C-alpha atoms as a PDB file:
ATOM      1  CA  MET A   1     -55.505 -29.564 -43.916  1.00  0.00           C
ATOM      2  CA  LEU A   2     -52.996 -27.208 -46.284  1.00  0.00           C
ATOM      3  CA  GLY A   3     -56.473 -25.883 -48.284  1.00  0.00           C
ATOM      4  CA  CYS A   4     -57.756 -24.876 -44.621  1.00  0.00           C
ATOM      5  CA  MET A   5     -54.672 -23.212 -43.629  1.00  0.00           C
ATOM      6  CA  GLY A   6     -54.337 -21.115 -46.793  1.00  0.00           C
ATOM      7  CA  SER A   7     -58.196 -20.220 -46.631  1.00  0.00           C
ATOM      8  CA  ILE A   8     -57.714 -19.011 -43.394  1.00  0.00           C
ATOM      9  CA  ILE A   9     -54.237 -16.858 -44.054  1.00  0.00           C
ATOM     10  CA  TRP A  10     -56.254 -15.684 -46.899  1.00  0.00           C
ATOM     11  CA  LEU A  11     -59.189 -14.473 -45.347  1.00  0.00           C
ATOM     12  CA  LEU A  12     -56.593 -13.109 -42.453  1.00  0.00           C
ATOM     13  CA  SER A  13     -55.058 -11.380 -45.249  1.00  0.00           C
ATOM     14  CA  MET A  14     -57.986  -9.564 -46.697  1.00  0.00           C
ATOM     15  CA  PRO A  15     -59.445  -5.937 -45.862  1.00  0.00           C
ATOM     16  CA  PRO A  16     -62.516  -6.122 -43.566  1.00  0.00           C
ATOM     17  CA  TYR A  17     -64.531  -4.336 -46.266  1.00  0.00           C
ATOM     18  CA  GLU A  18     -64.390  -7.440 -48.014  1.00  0.00           C
ATOM     19  CA  GLU A  19     -67.303  -8.964 -46.370  1.00  0.00           C
ATOM     20  CA  ARG A  20     -68.624 -11.539 -48.694  1.00  0.00           C
ATOM     21  CA  LYS A  21     -65.502 -12.976 -49.814  1.00  0.00           C
ATOM     22  CA  ARG A  22     -64.507 -12.930 -46.345  1.00  0.00           C
ATOM     23  CA  ILE A  23     -67.393 -14.868 -44.872  1.00  0.00           C
ATOM     24  CA  ALA A  24     -66.846 -17.331 -48.087  1.00  0.00           C
ATOM     25  CA  LEU A  25     -63.391 -17.929 -47.071  1.00  0.00           C
ATOM     26  CA  LEU A  26     -64.477 -18.703 -43.297  1.00  0.00           C
ATOM     27  CA  MET A  27     -66.987 -21.157 -44.799  1.00  0.00           C
ATOM     28  CA  ALA A  28     -64.343 -23.036 -46.748  1.00  0.00           C
ATOM     29  CA  ALA A  29     -61.954 -23.166 -43.884  1.00  0.00           C
ATOM     30  CA  ALA A  30     -64.674 -24.499 -41.955  1.00  0.00           C
ATOM     31  CA  LEU A  31     -65.548 -26.687 -44.798  1.00  0.00           C
ATOM     32  CA  LEU A  32     -61.808 -27.847 -45.370  1.00  0.00           C
ATOM     33  CA  GLU A  33     -61.124 -28.158 -41.698  1.00  0.00           C
ATOM     34  CA  GLY A  34     -64.397 -30.761 -41.134  1.00  0.00           C
ATOM     35  CA  ALA A  35     -62.649 -32.307 -44.325  1.00  0.00           C
ATOM     36  CA  SER A  36     -59.496 -32.699 -42.262  1.00  0.00           C
ATOM     37  CA  ILE A  37     -61.310 -34.433 -39.280  1.00  0.00           C
ATOM     38  CA  GLY A  38     -63.369 -36.349 -41.152  1.00  0.00           C
ATOM     39  CA  PRO A  39     -61.368 -39.796 -41.147  1.00  0.00           C
ATOM     40  CA  LEU A  40     -61.719 -39.275 -37.392  1.00  0.00           C
ATOM     41  CA  ILE A  41     -65.328 -38.978 -37.258  1.00  0.00           C
ATOM     42  CA  ASP A  42     -65.464 -42.019 -39.608  1.00  0.00           C
ATOM     43  CA  LEU A  43     -63.606 -44.046 -36.844  1.00  0.00           C
ATOM     44  CA  VAL A  44     -65.795 -42.892 -34.318  1.00  0.00           C
ATOM     45  CA  ILE A  45     -69.209 -43.737 -36.533  1.00  0.00           C
ATOM     46  CA  GLU A  46     -67.857 -47.143 -36.996  1.00  0.00           C
ATOM     47  CA  ILE A  47     -67.154 -47.678 -33.417  1.00  0.00           C
ATOM     48  CA  ASP A  48     -69.967 -45.863 -31.505  1.00  0.00           C
ATOM     49  CA  PRO A  49     -72.029 -43.211 -33.287  1.00  0.00           C
ATOM     50  CA  SER A  50     -72.907 -41.633 -29.521  1.00  0.00           C
ATOM     51  CA  ILE A  51     -69.369 -40.795 -28.802  1.00  0.00           C
ATOM     52  CA  LEU A  52     -69.841 -38.158 -31.759  1.00  0.00           C
ATOM     53  CA  ILE A  53     -72.864 -36.818 -30.240  1.00  0.00           C
ATOM     54  CA  SER A  54     -71.753 -36.854 -26.736  1.00  0.00           C
ATOM     55  CA  ALA A  55     -68.301 -34.940 -27.683  1.00  0.00           C
ATOM     56  CA  PHE A  56     -69.988 -32.355 -29.418  1.00  0.00           C
ATOM     57  CA  VAL A  57     -72.660 -31.979 -26.614  1.00  0.00           C
ATOM     58  CA  GLY A  58     -69.417 -31.832 -23.758  1.00  0.00           C
ATOM     59  CA  THR A  59     -67.547 -29.588 -26.351  1.00  0.00           C
ATOM     60  CA  ALA A  60     -70.157 -27.335 -26.457  1.00  0.00           C
ATOM     61  CA  VAL A  61     -71.289 -27.049 -22.857  1.00  0.00           C
ATOM     62  CA  ALA A  62     -67.567 -26.291 -21.948  1.00  0.00           C
ATOM     63  CA  PHE A  63     -67.479 -23.770 -24.737  1.00  0.00           C
ATOM     64  CA  GLY A  64     -70.143 -21.780 -23.137  1.00  0.00           C
ATOM     65  CA  CYS A  65     -69.582 -22.624 -19.831  1.00  0.00           C
ATOM     66  CA  PHE A  66     -65.390 -21.014 -20.196  1.00  0.00           C
ATOM     67  CA  SER A  67     -67.024 -17.999 -22.712  1.00  0.00           C
ATOM     68  CA  VAL A  68     -69.780 -17.251 -20.215  1.00  0.00           C
ATOM     69  CA  ALA A  69     -66.527 -17.078 -17.345  1.00  0.00           C
ATOM     70  CA  ALA A  70     -64.459 -15.046 -19.452  1.00  0.00           C
ATOM     71  CA  MET A  71     -67.685 -12.845 -20.119  1.00  0.00           C
ATOM     72  CA  LEU A  72     -68.813 -12.188 -16.817  1.00  0.00           C
ATOM     73  CA  ALA A  73     -64.761 -11.683 -15.337  1.00  0.00           C
ATOM     74  CA  ARG A  74     -63.448  -8.300 -14.931  1.00  0.00           C
ATOM     75  CA  ARG A  75     -61.988  -6.775 -17.926  1.00  0.00           C
ATOM     76  CA  ARG A  76     -58.620  -8.086 -19.077  1.00  0.00           C
ATOM     77  CA  GLU A  77     -58.392 -10.299 -15.961  1.00  0.00           C
ATOM     78  CA  TYR A  78     -57.577 -13.680 -18.088  1.00  0.00           C
ATOM     79  CA  LEU A  79     -55.664 -12.062 -20.929  1.00  0.00           C
ATOM     80  CA  TYR A  80     -52.680 -12.367 -18.944  1.00  0.00           C
ATOM     81  CA  LEU A  81     -52.978 -16.571 -19.267  1.00  0.00           C
ATOM     82  CA  GLY A  82     -52.148 -16.176 -22.771  1.00  0.00           C
ATOM     83  CA  GLY A  83     -48.537 -16.114 -22.096  1.00  0.00           C
ATOM     84  CA  LEU A  84     -48.687 -18.946 -20.513  1.00  0.00           C
ATOM     85  CA  LEU A  85     -50.850 -20.999 -23.112  1.00  0.00           C
ATOM     86  CA  SER A  86     -48.323 -19.805 -25.784  1.00  0.00           C
ATOM     87  CA  SER A  87     -45.750 -21.446 -23.800  1.00  0.00           C
ATOM     88  CA  GLY A  88     -47.987 -24.591 -23.087  1.00  0.00           C
ATOM     89  CA  LEU A  89     -48.580 -24.541 -27.083  1.00  0.00           C
ATOM     90  CA  SER A  90     -44.819 -24.418 -27.474  1.00  0.00           C
ATOM     91  CA  ILE A  91     -44.349 -27.190 -25.526  1.00  0.00           C
ATOM     92  CA  LEU A  92     -47.380 -29.234 -27.267  1.00  0.00           C
ATOM     93  CA  PHE A  93     -45.395 -28.305 -30.358  1.00  0.00           C
ATOM     94  CA  TRP A  94     -41.834 -29.643 -29.212  1.00  0.00           C
ATOM     95  CA  LEU A  95     -43.353 -32.732 -27.335  1.00  0.00           C
ATOM     96  CA  HIS A  96     -45.048 -33.657 -30.510  1.00  0.00           C
ATOM     97  CA  PHE A  97     -41.910 -32.837 -33.054  1.00  0.00           C
ATOM     98  CA  ALA A  98     -39.758 -35.027 -30.554  1.00  0.00           C
ATOM     99  CA  THR A  99     -41.889 -38.114 -30.179  1.00  0.00           C
ATOM    100  CA  SER A 100     -42.617 -38.110 -34.245  1.00  0.00           C
ATOM    101  CA  ILE A 101     -38.458 -38.309 -34.356  1.00  0.00           C
ATOM    102  CA  LEU A 102     -37.537 -40.086 -31.323  1.00  0.00           C
ATOM    103  CA  GLY A 103     -40.928 -42.782 -31.060  1.00  0.00           C
ATOM    104  CA  GLY A 104     -43.488 -42.034 -28.634  1.00  0.00           C
ATOM    105  CA  SER A 105     -44.878 -43.950 -25.775  1.00  0.00           C
ATOM    106  CA  THR A 106     -48.644 -44.052 -24.948  1.00  0.00           C
ATOM    107  CA  ALA A 107     -47.885 -42.237 -21.798  1.00  0.00           C
ATOM    108  CA  MET A 108     -46.640 -39.303 -23.657  1.00  0.00           C
ATOM    109  CA  PHE A 109     -49.723 -39.553 -26.067  1.00  0.00           C
ATOM    110  CA  LYS A 110     -51.927 -39.251 -23.133  1.00  0.00           C
ATOM    111  CA  PHE A 111     -50.110 -36.311 -21.798  1.00  0.00           C
ATOM    112  CA  GLU A 112     -49.910 -34.430 -24.955  1.00  0.00           C
ATOM    113  CA  LEU A 113     -53.567 -35.338 -25.240  1.00  0.00           C
ATOM    114  CA  TYR A 114     -54.524 -34.208 -22.129  1.00  0.00           C
ATOM    115  CA  PHE A 115     -52.517 -31.088 -21.889  1.00  0.00           C
ATOM    116  CA  GLY A 116     -53.526 -30.053 -24.925  1.00  0.00           C
ATOM    117  CA  LEU A 117     -57.031 -30.027 -24.110  1.00  0.00           C
ATOM    118  CA  LEU A 118     -56.061 -27.900 -21.152  1.00  0.00           C
ATOM    119  CA  VAL A 119     -54.374 -25.180 -23.318  1.00  0.00           C
ATOM    120  CA  PHE A 120     -56.948 -24.887 -25.832  1.00  0.00           C
ATOM    121  CA  VAL A 121     -59.809 -24.648 -23.292  1.00  0.00           C
ATOM    122  CA  GLY A 122     -57.737 -21.968 -21.623  1.00  0.00           C
ATOM    123  CA  TYR A 123     -57.430 -20.507 -25.123  1.00  0.00           C
ATOM    124  CA  MET A 124     -61.219 -20.510 -25.339  1.00  0.00           C
ATOM    125  CA  VAL A 125     -61.204 -18.324 -22.079  1.00  0.00           C
ATOM    126  CA  VAL A 126     -58.425 -15.807 -23.452  1.00  0.00           C
ATOM    127  CA  ASP A 127     -59.902 -15.469 -27.084  1.00  0.00           C
ATOM    128  CA  THR A 128     -63.196 -14.833 -25.496  1.00  0.00           C
ATOM    129  CA  GLN A 129     -61.813 -12.019 -23.326  1.00  0.00           C
ATOM    130  CA  ASP A 130     -59.754 -10.958 -26.044  1.00  0.00           C
ATOM    131  CA  ILE A 131     -62.890 -10.485 -28.548  1.00  0.00           C
ATOM    132  CA  ILE A 132     -64.358  -8.603 -25.962  1.00  0.00           C
ATOM    133  CA  GLU A 133     -61.591  -5.798 -25.230  1.00  0.00           C
ATOM    134  CA  LYS A 134     -61.591  -5.664 -29.212  1.00  0.00           C
ATOM    135  CA  ALA A 135     -64.952  -5.122 -29.274  1.00  0.00           C
ATOM    136  CA  HIS A 136     -64.908  -2.516 -26.431  1.00  0.00           C
ATOM    137  CA  LEU A 137     -61.932  -0.828 -28.568  1.00  0.00           C
ATOM    138  CA  GLY A 138     -63.818  -0.613 -31.820  1.00  0.00           C
ATOM    139  CA  ASP A 139     -62.488  -3.645 -33.923  1.00  0.00           C
ATOM    140  CA  LEU A 140     -66.300  -5.439 -34.576  1.00  0.00           C
ATOM    141  CA  ASP A 141     -64.474  -7.554 -37.394  1.00  0.00           C
ATOM    142  CA  TYR A 142     -67.111 -10.546 -36.632  1.00  0.00           C
ATOM    143  CA  VAL A 143     -65.697 -12.771 -39.485  1.00  0.00           C
ATOM    144  CA  LYS A 144     -62.328 -12.826 -37.900  1.00  0.00           C
ATOM    145  CA  HIS A 145     -63.524 -13.457 -34.353  1.00  0.00           C
ATOM    146  CA  SER A 146     -65.814 -16.428 -35.480  1.00  0.00           C
ATOM    147  CA  LEU A 147     -62.383 -17.712 -37.375  1.00  0.00           C
ATOM    148  CA  THR A 148     -60.717 -17.522 -33.771  1.00  0.00           C
ATOM    149  CA  LEU A 149     -63.487 -18.917 -31.921  1.00  0.00           C
ATOM    150  CA  PHE A 150     -64.286 -21.791 -34.178  1.00  0.00           C
ATOM    151  CA  THR A 151     -60.515 -23.206 -34.319  1.00  0.00           C
ATOM    152  CA  ASP A 152     -60.701 -23.470 -30.621  1.00  0.00           C
ATOM    153  CA  PHE A 153     -63.932 -25.128 -30.218  1.00  0.00           C
ATOM    154  CA  ALA A 154     -62.639 -27.812 -33.180  1.00  0.00           C
ATOM    155  CA  ALA A 155     -59.580 -27.977 -31.608  1.00  0.00           C
ATOM    156  CA  VAL A 156     -61.196 -28.794 -28.403  1.00  0.00           C
ATOM    157  CA  PHE A 157     -63.883 -31.113 -30.158  1.00  0.00           C
ATOM    158  CA  VAL A 158     -61.053 -33.678 -31.413  1.00  0.00           C
ATOM    159  CA  ARG A 159     -59.307 -34.064 -28.307  1.00  0.00           C
ATOM    160  CA  ILE A 160     -62.666 -34.903 -26.537  1.00  0.00           C
ATOM    161  CA  VAL A 161     -63.647 -37.231 -29.206  1.00  0.00           C
ATOM    162  CA  ILE A 162     -59.999 -39.020 -28.935  1.00  0.00           C
ATOM    163  CA  ILE A 163     -60.193 -39.167 -25.110  1.00  0.00           C
ATOM    164  CA  MET A 164     -63.426 -40.392 -25.484  1.00  0.00           C
ATOM    165  CA  LEU A 165     -62.765 -43.158 -28.173  1.00  0.00           C
ATOM    166  CA  ARG A 166     -59.739 -44.322 -25.898  1.00  0.00           C
ATOM    167  CA  ASN A 167     -62.312 -44.927 -23.153  1.00  0.00           C
ATOM    168  CA  ALA A 168     -64.842 -46.828 -25.302  1.00  0.00           C
ATOM    169  CA  ALA A 169     -61.825 -48.820 -26.953  1.00  0.00           C
ATOM    170  CA  LYS A 170     -60.599 -49.438 -23.050  1.00  0.00           C
ATOM    171  CA  LYS A 171     -64.116 -50.490 -21.636  1.00  0.00           C
ATOM    172  CA  ASP A 172     -64.399 -53.062 -24.474  1.00  0.00           C
ATOM    173  CA  GLU A 173     -61.449 -54.414 -23.752  1.00  0.00           C
ATOM    174  CA  LYS A 174     -62.474 -54.848 -20.108  1.00  0.00           C
ATOM    175  CA  GLU A 175     -65.769 -56.185 -21.630  1.00  0.00           C
ATOM    176  CA  LYS A 176     -64.095 -58.845 -23.532  1.00  0.00           C
ATOM    177  CA  ARG A 177     -61.562 -59.955 -21.422  1.00  0.00           C
ATOM    178  CA  LYS A 178     -64.847 -60.501 -19.042  1.00  0.00           C
ATOM    179  CA  ARG A 179     -66.167 -63.034 -21.563  1.00  0.00           C
ATOM    180  CA  ARG A 180     -63.463 -64.776 -21.734  1.00  0.00           C
ATOM    181  CA  SER A 181     -62.972 -65.367 -18.020  1.00  0.00           C
END
């Protein structure tokens, strides 16, 4: 995770004309992000590999739908959601910090999970509209824009995988109870 953050910071600090280095850093960031969610993917594959495919397809469909909604909306219509989403992200950060220190319940984890999904799906819309607005103003830095959308996609994917994994575990538990009865 630290390597991913380092490559992202390095990418953002480079000037746009060093295109090859920035693309290499984008690929390194994607590789390291994939490595950081690797243990989660491994767990999902052990339990039920179909969850992984369903989560990826669900994330791609959500990404496509919300990006198209942002593209078809009036200019700058959803950019104002950025303030609310930043506040939501701050709430998630402090909530996660408090539950890690004070110990959290499963209900709090569930709230963090679904609220985080809502926040990051909102960021898909805002970031897509922000990229479109920047392109209208002449900022065609596709490497930075790709990084923005990739981080949104990864955040939503992880949350959908966790939600589907929890639902599969509950379903297995119910089936075990039925067999015992």
